[in-house]
N, C-alpha and C. Protein backbone atom coordinates (compact mmCIF):
# COMPACT_ATOMS: atom_id res chain seq x y z
N UNK A 1 0.86 -1.15 0.11
CA UNK A 1 0.02 -0.03 -0.01
C UNK A 1 0.99 1.16 -0.05
N UNK A 2 0.81 2.09 -1.02
CA UNK A 2 1.63 3.41 -1.05
C UNK A 2 1.40 4.13 0.20
N UNK A 3 2.44 4.68 0.66
CA UNK A 3 2.40 5.37 2.01
C UNK A 3 1.52 6.81 1.66
N UNK A 4 0.77 7.08 2.51
CA UNK A 4 -0.04 8.19 2.49
C UNK A 4 0.33 9.14 3.70
N UNK A 5 0.79 10.28 3.48
CA UNK A 5 1.43 11.24 4.63
C UNK A 5 0.66 11.19 5.73
N UNK A 6 -0.49 11.20 5.72
CA UNK A 6 -1.27 11.37 6.92
C UNK A 6 -1.49 9.95 7.77
N UNK A 7 -0.93 8.89 7.31
CA UNK A 7 -0.97 7.68 8.04
C UNK A 7 0.37 7.08 8.45
N UNK A 8 0.54 6.58 9.50
CA UNK A 8 1.63 5.92 10.09
C UNK A 8 1.82 4.57 9.58
N UNK A 9 3.03 3.91 9.65
CA UNK A 9 3.39 2.67 9.07
C UNK A 9 2.30 1.67 9.81
N UNK A 10 2.20 1.77 11.01
CA UNK A 10 1.15 0.88 11.88
C UNK A 10 -0.25 1.25 11.28
N UNK A 11 -0.69 2.25 10.91
CA UNK A 11 -1.99 2.42 10.47
C UNK A 11 -2.14 1.78 9.09
N UNK A 12 -1.12 1.79 8.21
CA UNK A 12 -1.19 1.35 6.91
C UNK A 12 -1.26 -0.31 7.08
N UNK A 13 -0.29 -0.84 8.00
CA UNK A 13 -0.37 -2.19 8.12
C UNK A 13 -1.76 -2.60 8.71
N UNK A 14 -2.44 -1.77 9.47
CA UNK A 14 -3.62 -2.28 9.94
C UNK A 14 -4.67 -2.44 8.89
N UNK A 15 -4.68 -1.49 7.82
CA UNK A 15 -5.60 -1.60 6.79
C UNK A 15 -5.33 -2.80 5.94
N UNK A 16 -4.00 -3.01 5.62
CA UNK A 16 -3.47 -4.16 4.97
C UNK A 16 -4.04 -5.60 5.63
N UNK A 17 -3.89 -5.59 6.99
CA UNK A 17 -4.27 -6.68 7.69
C UNK A 17 -5.71 -6.90 7.60
N UNK A 18 -6.66 -5.91 7.82
CA UNK A 18 -7.93 -6.00 7.84
C UNK A 18 -8.56 -6.52 6.32
N UNK A 19 -7.70 -6.13 5.34
CA UNK A 19 -8.22 -6.44 4.01
C UNK A 19 -8.00 -7.90 3.78
N UNK A 20 -6.83 -8.42 4.22
CA UNK A 20 -6.25 -9.77 4.18
C UNK A 20 -7.36 -10.57 4.91
N UNK A 21 -7.69 -10.14 6.13
CA UNK A 21 -8.78 -10.92 6.86
C UNK A 21 -10.08 -10.94 6.09
N UNK A 22 -10.54 -9.82 5.55
CA UNK A 22 -11.76 -9.85 4.79
C UNK A 22 -11.65 -10.68 3.48
N UNK A 23 -10.57 -10.82 2.96
CA UNK A 23 -10.40 -11.74 1.76
C UNK A 23 -10.63 -13.21 2.39
N UNK A 24 -9.74 -13.53 3.54
CA UNK A 24 -10.07 -14.86 4.11
C UNK A 24 -11.50 -15.20 4.28
N UNK A 25 -12.18 -14.23 4.79
CA UNK A 25 -13.56 -14.45 5.25
C UNK A 25 -14.44 -14.64 3.89
N UNK A 26 -14.26 -13.84 2.97
CA UNK A 26 -14.88 -14.04 1.82
C UNK A 26 -14.61 -15.35 1.06
N UNK A 27 -13.33 -15.92 1.27
CA UNK A 27 -12.92 -17.33 0.74
C UNK A 27 -13.69 -18.23 1.48
N UNK A 28 -13.67 -18.02 2.82
CA UNK A 28 -14.53 -19.14 3.71
C UNK A 28 -15.96 -19.24 3.34
N UNK A 29 -16.49 -18.04 2.97
CA UNK A 29 -17.89 -18.15 2.64
C UNK A 29 -18.08 -18.85 1.19
N UNK A 30 -17.19 -18.53 0.35
CA UNK A 30 -17.32 -19.18 -1.08
C UNK A 30 -17.04 -20.83 -0.76
N UNK A 31 -16.20 -21.13 0.04
CA UNK A 31 -15.99 -22.56 0.27
C UNK A 31 -17.18 -23.27 0.91
N UNK A 32 -17.52 -22.71 1.92
CA UNK A 32 -18.91 -23.18 2.52
C UNK A 32 -19.95 -23.31 1.63
N UNK A 33 -20.05 -22.34 0.73
CA UNK A 33 -21.28 -22.49 -0.37
C UNK A 33 -21.00 -23.42 -1.28
N UNK A 34 -19.72 -24.08 -1.39
CA UNK A 34 -19.25 -24.98 -2.49
C UNK A 34 -18.97 -24.24 -3.81
N UNK A 35 -18.74 -22.91 -3.70
CA UNK A 35 -18.45 -22.27 -5.02
C UNK A 35 -16.90 -22.07 -5.22
N UNK A 36 -16.13 -22.39 -4.18
CA UNK A 36 -14.61 -22.22 -4.34
C UNK A 36 -14.02 -23.44 -4.62
N UNK A 37 -13.24 -23.62 -5.72
CA UNK A 37 -12.60 -24.99 -6.28
C UNK A 37 -11.37 -25.07 -5.42
N UNK A 38 -11.26 -26.24 -4.70
CA UNK A 38 -9.95 -26.45 -3.93
C UNK A 38 -8.54 -26.23 -4.80
N UNK A 39 -8.70 -26.42 -6.05
CA UNK A 39 -7.57 -26.15 -6.92
C UNK A 39 -7.09 -24.78 -7.00
N UNK A 40 -7.94 -23.93 -6.82
CA UNK A 40 -7.58 -22.40 -6.93
C UNK A 40 -6.72 -21.85 -5.82
N UNK A 41 -5.87 -21.20 -5.99
CA UNK A 41 -4.94 -20.62 -5.16
C UNK A 41 -5.59 -19.33 -4.44
N UNK A 42 -5.13 -18.87 -3.47
CA UNK A 42 -5.68 -17.66 -2.70
C UNK A 42 -5.12 -16.50 -3.64
N UNK A 43 -6.15 -15.66 -3.89
CA UNK A 43 -5.64 -14.48 -4.72
C UNK A 43 -4.89 -13.60 -3.99
N UNK A 44 -3.90 -12.80 -4.69
CA UNK A 44 -3.05 -11.76 -3.96
C UNK A 44 -3.91 -10.52 -3.91
N UNK A 45 -3.69 -9.75 -2.73
CA UNK A 45 -4.20 -8.40 -2.74
C UNK A 45 -3.09 -7.38 -3.09
N UNK A 46 -3.38 -6.30 -3.74
CA UNK A 46 -2.50 -5.41 -4.09
C UNK A 46 -3.13 -3.97 -3.89
N UNK A 47 -2.37 -3.13 -3.56
CA UNK A 47 -2.98 -1.78 -3.11
C UNK A 47 -2.46 -0.72 -4.13
N UNK A 48 -2.70 -0.95 -5.47
CA UNK A 48 -2.06 -0.16 -6.35
C UNK A 48 -3.20 0.43 -7.48
N UNK A 49 -4.49 0.07 -7.15
CA UNK A 49 -5.37 0.70 -8.06
C UNK A 49 -5.54 2.17 -7.95
N UNK A 50 -5.52 2.82 -9.31
CA UNK A 50 -5.60 4.21 -9.21
C UNK A 50 -6.98 4.74 -9.91
N UNK A 51 -7.23 5.91 -9.88
CA UNK A 51 -8.25 6.56 -10.60
C UNK A 51 -9.56 6.40 -9.58
N UNK A 52 -10.66 6.22 -10.30
CA UNK A 52 -11.89 6.39 -9.66
C UNK A 52 -12.44 4.93 -9.24
N UNK A 53 -11.81 3.87 -9.81
CA UNK A 53 -12.28 2.50 -9.49
C UNK A 53 -11.89 2.08 -7.97
N UNK A 54 -12.79 1.48 -7.36
CA UNK A 54 -12.40 1.09 -5.87
C UNK A 54 -11.63 -0.10 -5.92
N UNK A 55 -11.77 -0.99 -6.88
CA UNK A 55 -10.92 -2.18 -7.04
C UNK A 55 -11.07 -2.83 -8.34
N UNK A 56 -10.17 -3.68 -8.73
CA UNK A 56 -10.22 -4.32 -10.06
C UNK A 56 -9.78 -5.89 -9.72
N UNK A 57 -10.33 -6.74 -10.57
CA UNK A 57 -9.67 -8.11 -10.40
C UNK A 57 -8.93 -8.42 -11.68
N UNK A 58 -7.87 -9.04 -11.54
CA UNK A 58 -6.87 -9.33 -12.61
C UNK A 58 -6.87 -10.86 -12.67
N UNK A 59 -7.56 -11.47 -13.49
CA UNK A 59 -7.68 -12.91 -13.63
C UNK A 59 -6.24 -13.36 -13.95
N UNK A 60 -5.64 -13.01 -15.02
CA UNK A 60 -4.30 -13.43 -15.36
C UNK A 60 -3.28 -13.50 -14.41
N UNK A 61 -3.17 -12.46 -13.53
CA UNK A 61 -2.46 -12.25 -12.49
C UNK A 61 -2.84 -12.92 -11.12
N UNK A 62 -4.25 -13.27 -11.20
CA UNK A 62 -4.80 -13.86 -9.85
C UNK A 62 -4.71 -12.92 -8.76
N UNK A 63 -5.16 -11.61 -9.04
CA UNK A 63 -4.99 -10.71 -7.99
C UNK A 63 -6.26 -9.86 -7.99
N UNK A 64 -6.40 -9.15 -6.73
CA UNK A 64 -7.32 -7.94 -6.46
C UNK A 64 -6.62 -6.76 -6.27
N UNK A 65 -6.90 -5.70 -7.06
CA UNK A 65 -6.17 -4.49 -6.68
C UNK A 65 -7.28 -3.59 -6.00
N UNK A 66 -6.87 -2.90 -5.03
CA UNK A 66 -7.85 -1.95 -4.22
C UNK A 66 -6.99 -0.71 -4.35
N UNK A 67 -7.95 0.38 -4.30
CA UNK A 67 -7.70 1.90 -4.41
C UNK A 67 -7.35 2.24 -2.97
N UNK A 68 -6.00 2.64 -2.61
CA UNK A 68 -5.68 2.88 -1.20
C UNK A 68 -6.29 4.04 -0.81
N UNK A 69 -6.43 5.12 -1.51
CA UNK A 69 -7.07 6.38 -1.16
C UNK A 69 -8.52 6.20 -0.87
N UNK A 70 -9.19 5.47 -1.71
CA UNK A 70 -10.76 5.23 -1.32
C UNK A 70 -10.90 4.32 -0.19
N UNK A 71 -10.13 3.31 -0.16
CA UNK A 71 -9.89 2.28 1.06
C UNK A 71 -9.92 3.24 2.43
N UNK A 72 -8.92 4.01 2.49
CA UNK A 72 -8.80 4.87 3.85
C UNK A 72 -10.00 5.73 3.96
N UNK A 73 -10.76 6.10 3.07
CA UNK A 73 -12.00 6.92 3.13
C UNK A 73 -13.36 6.10 3.59
N UNK A 74 -13.16 4.83 3.23
CA UNK A 74 -14.41 4.05 3.47
C UNK A 74 -13.98 2.42 3.68
N UNK A 75 -13.35 2.32 4.75
CA UNK A 75 -12.82 0.86 5.07
C UNK A 75 -13.70 -0.18 4.90
N UNK A 76 -14.96 0.13 5.76
CA UNK A 76 -15.85 -0.83 6.03
C UNK A 76 -16.62 -1.36 4.65
N UNK A 77 -16.69 -0.37 3.67
CA UNK A 77 -17.32 -0.68 2.37
C UNK A 77 -16.33 -1.49 1.67
N UNK A 78 -14.96 -1.36 1.70
CA UNK A 78 -14.32 -2.09 1.09
C UNK A 78 -14.12 -3.61 1.62
N UNK A 79 -14.13 -3.72 3.04
CA UNK A 79 -14.15 -5.07 3.70
C UNK A 79 -15.39 -5.86 3.30
N UNK A 80 -16.46 -5.29 3.21
CA UNK A 80 -17.73 -6.18 3.20
C UNK A 80 -18.21 -6.17 1.74
N UNK A 81 -17.93 -5.26 0.71
CA UNK A 81 -18.53 -5.10 -0.59
C UNK A 81 -17.31 -5.32 -1.67
N UNK A 82 -16.32 -4.53 -1.59
CA UNK A 82 -15.40 -4.31 -2.84
C UNK A 82 -14.53 -5.79 -2.85
N UNK A 83 -14.14 -6.17 -1.58
CA UNK A 83 -13.33 -7.41 -1.84
C UNK A 83 -14.16 -8.59 -2.22
N UNK A 84 -15.43 -8.92 -1.62
CA UNK A 84 -16.19 -9.89 -2.44
C UNK A 84 -16.54 -9.61 -3.79
N UNK A 85 -16.81 -8.35 -4.17
CA UNK A 85 -17.20 -7.98 -5.62
C UNK A 85 -15.99 -8.47 -6.50
N UNK A 86 -14.95 -8.17 -6.20
CA UNK A 86 -13.61 -8.55 -7.07
C UNK A 86 -13.39 -9.93 -6.97
N UNK A 87 -13.53 -10.63 -5.81
CA UNK A 87 -13.30 -11.98 -5.68
C UNK A 87 -14.21 -12.66 -6.69
N UNK A 88 -15.51 -12.21 -6.61
CA UNK A 88 -16.58 -12.88 -7.45
C UNK A 88 -16.11 -12.87 -9.02
N UNK A 89 -15.47 -11.94 -9.27
CA UNK A 89 -14.96 -11.71 -10.84
C UNK A 89 -13.86 -12.77 -11.09
N UNK A 90 -13.07 -13.00 -10.15
CA UNK A 90 -12.09 -14.12 -10.21
C UNK A 90 -12.56 -15.34 -10.31
N UNK A 91 -13.62 -15.60 -9.55
CA UNK A 91 -14.23 -16.96 -9.56
C UNK A 91 -15.03 -17.29 -10.82
N UNK A 92 -15.70 -16.22 -11.42
CA UNK A 92 -16.40 -16.35 -12.64
C UNK A 92 -15.41 -16.69 -13.62
N UNK A 93 -14.25 -15.94 -13.76
CA UNK A 93 -13.27 -16.29 -14.76
C UNK A 93 -12.74 -17.85 -14.51
N UNK A 94 -12.36 -18.21 -13.34
CA UNK A 94 -11.68 -19.45 -13.19
C UNK A 94 -12.89 -20.49 -13.61
N UNK A 95 -14.10 -20.35 -13.34
CA UNK A 95 -15.05 -21.33 -13.61
C UNK A 95 -15.57 -21.42 -15.04
N UNK A 96 -15.74 -20.13 -15.64
CA UNK A 96 -16.37 -19.81 -16.78
C UNK A 96 -15.61 -19.36 -18.03
N UNK A 97 -14.26 -18.86 -17.72
CA UNK A 97 -13.46 -18.20 -18.76
C UNK A 97 -14.18 -16.80 -18.88
N UNK A 98 -13.80 -16.15 -19.91
CA UNK A 98 -14.16 -14.76 -20.21
C UNK A 98 -15.76 -14.76 -20.37
N UNK A 99 -16.29 -13.80 -19.51
CA UNK A 99 -17.82 -13.67 -19.44
C UNK A 99 -17.98 -12.22 -19.36
N UNK A 100 -19.32 -11.71 -19.62
CA UNK A 100 -19.59 -10.37 -19.25
C UNK A 100 -19.14 -9.95 -17.82
N UNK A 101 -18.57 -8.85 -17.63
CA UNK A 101 -17.91 -8.62 -16.23
C UNK A 101 -18.99 -8.73 -15.07
N UNK A 102 -20.13 -8.17 -15.35
CA UNK A 102 -21.20 -8.11 -14.33
C UNK A 102 -22.43 -9.01 -14.88
N UNK A 103 -22.00 -9.97 -15.62
CA UNK A 103 -23.22 -11.06 -16.05
C UNK A 103 -23.78 -11.72 -15.03
N UNK A 104 -24.62 -12.72 -15.65
CA UNK A 104 -25.37 -13.63 -14.80
C UNK A 104 -24.63 -14.35 -13.76
N UNK A 105 -23.62 -14.94 -14.16
CA UNK A 105 -22.72 -15.64 -13.31
C UNK A 105 -22.17 -15.03 -12.11
N UNK A 106 -21.68 -13.64 -12.55
CA UNK A 106 -21.23 -12.81 -11.40
C UNK A 106 -22.37 -12.28 -10.52
N UNK A 107 -23.49 -11.95 -11.02
CA UNK A 107 -24.64 -11.67 -10.17
C UNK A 107 -25.08 -12.84 -9.34
N UNK A 108 -25.07 -14.01 -9.87
CA UNK A 108 -25.35 -15.16 -8.97
C UNK A 108 -24.45 -15.35 -7.67
N UNK A 109 -23.18 -15.04 -7.95
CA UNK A 109 -22.14 -15.26 -6.89
C UNK A 109 -22.33 -14.12 -5.83
N UNK A 110 -22.53 -12.94 -6.29
CA UNK A 110 -22.63 -11.78 -5.41
C UNK A 110 -23.88 -12.03 -4.52
N UNK A 111 -25.04 -12.46 -5.00
CA UNK A 111 -26.28 -12.65 -4.16
C UNK A 111 -26.12 -13.90 -3.50
N UNK A 112 -25.97 -15.09 -4.28
CA UNK A 112 -25.96 -16.24 -3.70
C UNK A 112 -24.98 -16.78 -2.74
N UNK A 113 -23.78 -16.39 -2.96
CA UNK A 113 -22.65 -16.74 -2.20
C UNK A 113 -22.23 -15.78 -1.22
N UNK A 114 -22.24 -14.56 -1.38
CA UNK A 114 -21.89 -13.46 -0.61
C UNK A 114 -22.91 -12.68 0.02
N UNK A 115 -24.17 -12.73 -0.46
CA UNK A 115 -25.33 -12.12 0.11
C UNK A 115 -25.39 -10.85 0.09
N UNK A 116 -24.84 -10.29 -1.21
CA UNK A 116 -24.82 -8.74 -1.46
C UNK A 116 -25.52 -8.53 -2.74
N UNK A 117 -26.17 -7.35 -2.74
CA UNK A 117 -26.71 -6.93 -3.95
C UNK A 117 -25.66 -6.77 -5.12
N UNK A 118 -25.91 -7.23 -6.25
CA UNK A 118 -24.91 -7.14 -7.38
C UNK A 118 -24.76 -5.78 -7.91
N UNK A 119 -24.34 -4.88 -7.20
CA UNK A 119 -23.98 -3.53 -7.76
C UNK A 119 -22.92 -3.33 -8.56
N UNK A 120 -23.06 -2.69 -9.60
CA UNK A 120 -21.71 -2.69 -10.65
C UNK A 120 -20.90 -1.53 -10.22
N UNK A 121 -21.33 -0.26 -9.67
CA UNK A 121 -20.66 0.80 -9.45
C UNK A 121 -20.80 1.16 -7.97
N UNK A 122 -19.79 2.01 -7.39
CA UNK A 122 -19.77 2.46 -6.03
C UNK A 122 -20.24 3.74 -5.92
N UNK A 123 -20.59 4.34 -4.87
CA UNK A 123 -21.11 5.78 -4.60
C UNK A 123 -20.27 6.30 -3.42
N UNK A 124 -18.89 6.07 -3.60
CA UNK A 124 -18.16 6.60 -2.70
C UNK A 124 -17.67 7.99 -2.90
N UNK A 125 -17.31 8.90 -2.08
CA UNK A 125 -16.94 10.28 -2.31
C UNK A 125 -15.56 10.36 -2.86
N UNK A 126 -15.68 10.90 -4.12
CA UNK A 126 -14.29 10.93 -4.98
C UNK A 126 -13.59 12.08 -4.63
N UNK A 127 -13.88 12.92 -3.71
CA UNK A 127 -13.40 14.17 -3.28
C UNK A 127 -12.05 13.88 -2.77
N UNK A 128 -11.68 12.83 -2.19
CA UNK A 128 -10.52 12.41 -1.51
C UNK A 128 -9.31 12.14 -2.71
N UNK A 129 -9.68 12.02 -3.86
CA UNK A 129 -8.75 11.61 -5.01
C UNK A 129 -8.23 12.94 -5.49
N UNK A 130 -6.97 12.90 -5.77
CA UNK A 130 -6.25 14.07 -6.33
C UNK A 130 -6.70 14.34 -7.80
N UNK A 131 -7.13 15.36 -7.98
CA UNK A 131 -7.58 15.42 -9.72
C UNK A 131 -6.65 16.81 -10.26
N UNK A 132 -6.00 16.24 -11.17
CA UNK A 132 -5.17 17.21 -11.95
C UNK A 132 -6.07 17.69 -13.11
N UNK A 133 -6.35 19.04 -13.25
CA UNK A 133 -7.23 19.53 -14.50
C UNK A 133 -6.53 20.39 -15.16
N UNK A 134 -7.00 20.59 -16.42
CA UNK A 134 -6.41 21.56 -17.41
C UNK A 134 -7.37 22.51 -18.15
N UNK A 135 -7.09 23.53 -18.06
CA UNK A 135 -8.10 24.66 -18.63
C UNK A 135 -8.20 24.60 -20.11
N UNK A 136 -9.44 24.42 -20.77
CA UNK A 136 -9.65 24.62 -22.00
C UNK A 136 -10.80 25.66 -22.23
N UNK A 137 -10.66 26.33 -23.29
CA UNK A 137 -11.70 27.34 -23.64
C UNK A 137 -12.53 27.07 -25.10
N UNK A 138 -13.87 27.63 -25.11
CA UNK A 138 -14.54 27.52 -26.33
C UNK A 138 -14.90 28.95 -26.51
N UNK A 139 -16.05 29.31 -27.29
CA UNK A 139 -16.31 30.60 -27.50
C UNK A 139 -17.27 31.17 -26.41
N UNK A 140 -17.79 30.53 -25.52
CA UNK A 140 -18.38 30.84 -24.39
C UNK A 140 -18.05 30.66 -23.01
N UNK A 141 -17.18 29.76 -22.78
CA UNK A 141 -16.88 29.69 -21.33
C UNK A 141 -15.64 28.76 -21.20
N UNK A 142 -15.12 28.66 -20.01
CA UNK A 142 -13.80 27.97 -19.66
C UNK A 142 -14.39 26.55 -19.14
N UNK A 143 -13.52 25.66 -19.53
CA UNK A 143 -13.79 24.13 -19.37
C UNK A 143 -12.73 23.69 -18.55
N UNK A 144 -12.95 22.54 -17.70
CA UNK A 144 -11.81 21.84 -17.03
C UNK A 144 -11.73 20.40 -17.52
N UNK A 145 -10.69 19.95 -18.25
CA UNK A 145 -10.54 18.66 -18.54
C UNK A 145 -9.69 17.80 -17.54
N UNK A 146 -10.04 16.51 -17.43
CA UNK A 146 -9.31 15.75 -16.60
C UNK A 146 -7.89 15.35 -17.26
N UNK A 147 -6.92 14.70 -16.62
CA UNK A 147 -5.47 14.42 -17.23
C UNK A 147 -5.85 13.44 -18.35
N UNK A 148 -6.77 12.46 -18.17
CA UNK A 148 -6.97 11.41 -19.28
C UNK A 148 -7.39 12.19 -20.43
N UNK A 149 -8.49 12.97 -20.34
CA UNK A 149 -9.07 13.71 -21.62
C UNK A 149 -8.03 14.54 -22.18
N UNK A 150 -7.18 15.34 -21.48
CA UNK A 150 -6.24 16.27 -21.97
C UNK A 150 -5.26 15.41 -22.71
N UNK A 151 -4.75 14.36 -22.09
CA UNK A 151 -3.83 13.37 -22.91
C UNK A 151 -4.36 13.03 -24.27
N UNK A 152 -5.46 12.54 -24.31
CA UNK A 152 -6.24 12.10 -25.57
C UNK A 152 -6.05 13.38 -26.54
N UNK A 153 -6.37 14.56 -26.05
CA UNK A 153 -6.35 15.69 -26.94
C UNK A 153 -4.86 15.88 -27.46
N UNK A 154 -3.86 15.67 -26.51
CA UNK A 154 -2.61 15.88 -26.94
C UNK A 154 -2.06 14.87 -27.98
N UNK A 155 -2.53 13.60 -27.80
CA UNK A 155 -2.22 12.54 -28.78
C UNK A 155 -2.99 12.57 -29.86
N UNK A 156 -4.04 13.45 -30.14
CA UNK A 156 -4.83 13.62 -31.34
C UNK A 156 -5.81 12.50 -31.42
N UNK A 157 -6.18 11.84 -30.34
CA UNK A 157 -7.17 10.80 -30.40
C UNK A 157 -8.68 11.23 -30.18
N UNK A 158 -8.71 12.50 -29.75
CA UNK A 158 -10.01 12.98 -29.33
C UNK A 158 -10.17 14.38 -29.27
N UNK A 159 -11.16 14.98 -29.64
CA UNK A 159 -11.50 16.35 -29.56
C UNK A 159 -12.84 16.51 -28.86
N UNK A 160 -12.86 17.64 -28.10
CA UNK A 160 -14.21 17.84 -27.19
C UNK A 160 -14.84 19.23 -27.80
N UNK A 161 -16.04 18.93 -27.60
CA UNK A 161 -16.95 20.08 -28.17
C UNK A 161 -17.82 20.59 -26.91
N UNK A 162 -17.83 21.89 -26.83
CA UNK A 162 -18.78 22.62 -26.01
C UNK A 162 -20.23 22.21 -26.19
N UNK A 163 -21.04 21.81 -25.05
CA UNK A 163 -22.26 21.36 -25.39
C UNK A 163 -23.24 22.68 -25.52
N UNK A 164 -22.68 23.84 -25.28
CA UNK A 164 -23.66 24.94 -25.38
C UNK A 164 -23.37 25.68 -26.77
N UNK A 165 -22.12 26.02 -27.07
CA UNK A 165 -21.93 26.72 -28.41
C UNK A 165 -21.43 25.82 -29.50
N UNK A 166 -21.10 24.57 -29.15
CA UNK A 166 -20.52 23.58 -30.23
C UNK A 166 -19.23 23.68 -30.75
N UNK A 167 -18.48 24.61 -30.16
CA UNK A 167 -17.07 24.86 -30.66
C UNK A 167 -16.12 23.88 -30.12
N UNK A 168 -15.11 23.47 -30.76
CA UNK A 168 -13.98 22.60 -30.23
C UNK A 168 -13.25 23.28 -29.25
N UNK A 169 -13.05 22.55 -28.06
CA UNK A 169 -12.28 23.01 -27.10
C UNK A 169 -10.78 23.26 -27.26
N UNK A 170 -10.33 24.39 -26.89
CA UNK A 170 -8.83 24.64 -27.19
C UNK A 170 -8.17 24.78 -25.82
N UNK A 171 -6.92 24.41 -25.71
CA UNK A 171 -6.08 24.67 -24.49
C UNK A 171 -6.10 26.11 -24.23
N UNK A 172 -6.48 26.48 -22.87
CA UNK A 172 -6.62 27.84 -22.63
C UNK A 172 -5.39 28.85 -23.00
N UNK A 173 -4.28 28.28 -22.54
CA UNK A 173 -2.92 28.95 -22.70
C UNK A 173 -2.78 28.99 -24.34
N UNK A 174 -2.96 27.94 -25.02
CA UNK A 174 -2.99 28.15 -26.47
C UNK A 174 -3.66 29.05 -27.15
N UNK A 175 -4.90 29.22 -26.78
CA UNK A 175 -5.88 30.18 -27.29
C UNK A 175 -5.46 31.50 -26.99
N UNK A 176 -5.00 31.78 -25.75
CA UNK A 176 -4.62 33.10 -25.44
C UNK A 176 -3.29 33.52 -26.07
N UNK A 177 -2.38 32.46 -26.48
CA UNK A 177 -1.18 32.84 -27.11
C UNK A 177 -1.47 33.12 -28.76
N UNK A 178 -2.51 32.32 -29.25
CA UNK A 178 -2.94 32.62 -30.55
C UNK A 178 -3.76 33.93 -30.69
N UNK A 179 -4.28 34.44 -29.76
CA UNK A 179 -5.14 35.59 -29.83
C UNK A 179 -4.13 36.82 -29.91
N UNK A 180 -3.17 36.72 -29.25
CA UNK A 180 -2.24 37.91 -29.21
C UNK A 180 -1.60 38.26 -30.60
C-alpha cells in the first residue's frame, strides 16, 4: 500500500491486515457455499489501483487491486463489498472463462454466495482523490478537462466540443497565445 502522509506505518499495516482478513472471510464463505474450487490458489491483494475505481480483479495475475485512497476513506465498504465483488470476478473467470464482467454468473455469486446486492458501481466520495485538471476554452466559457481527456487531446485521439456553443475546446494557454 503506497504511503499516505497522513498515515503511520502501523495504520497502513492495520488496513492491509484488515483487507487480508476480509479476503479470508470471503474465501471461507465461498468454500462453505461450495463455490470455491480447492485447486484455486488464494488471490493476492495489491493496493495499487488508481483513479476512480474502488478495485479491479486481474484474472491473469490472480490478484485483486484496491484503491488505497478510497480504502482509507471507506474501509468498511471495502471489507464487506469491494473485496467480495472483486473475488466474484476471479471466481467467474476461473469457472467460466471470459464472460460479461457483471453478467449472470457474477450476479449469482454476489447474491447467492456473498449475500450482497450485485451493484456494478460504487457511490464513494471521490473528493479524496487528487484531480489534475487542465483549462480549455470555447467561444462561451472555460472548461476543465481531466488528465486522461487532456492526454487524448494531446495525442490527437479525441477532440471535445462545448455542449452550449458547439465549438471545439482549445487549451486555454494556447488560445490566449494565438489571440495575441
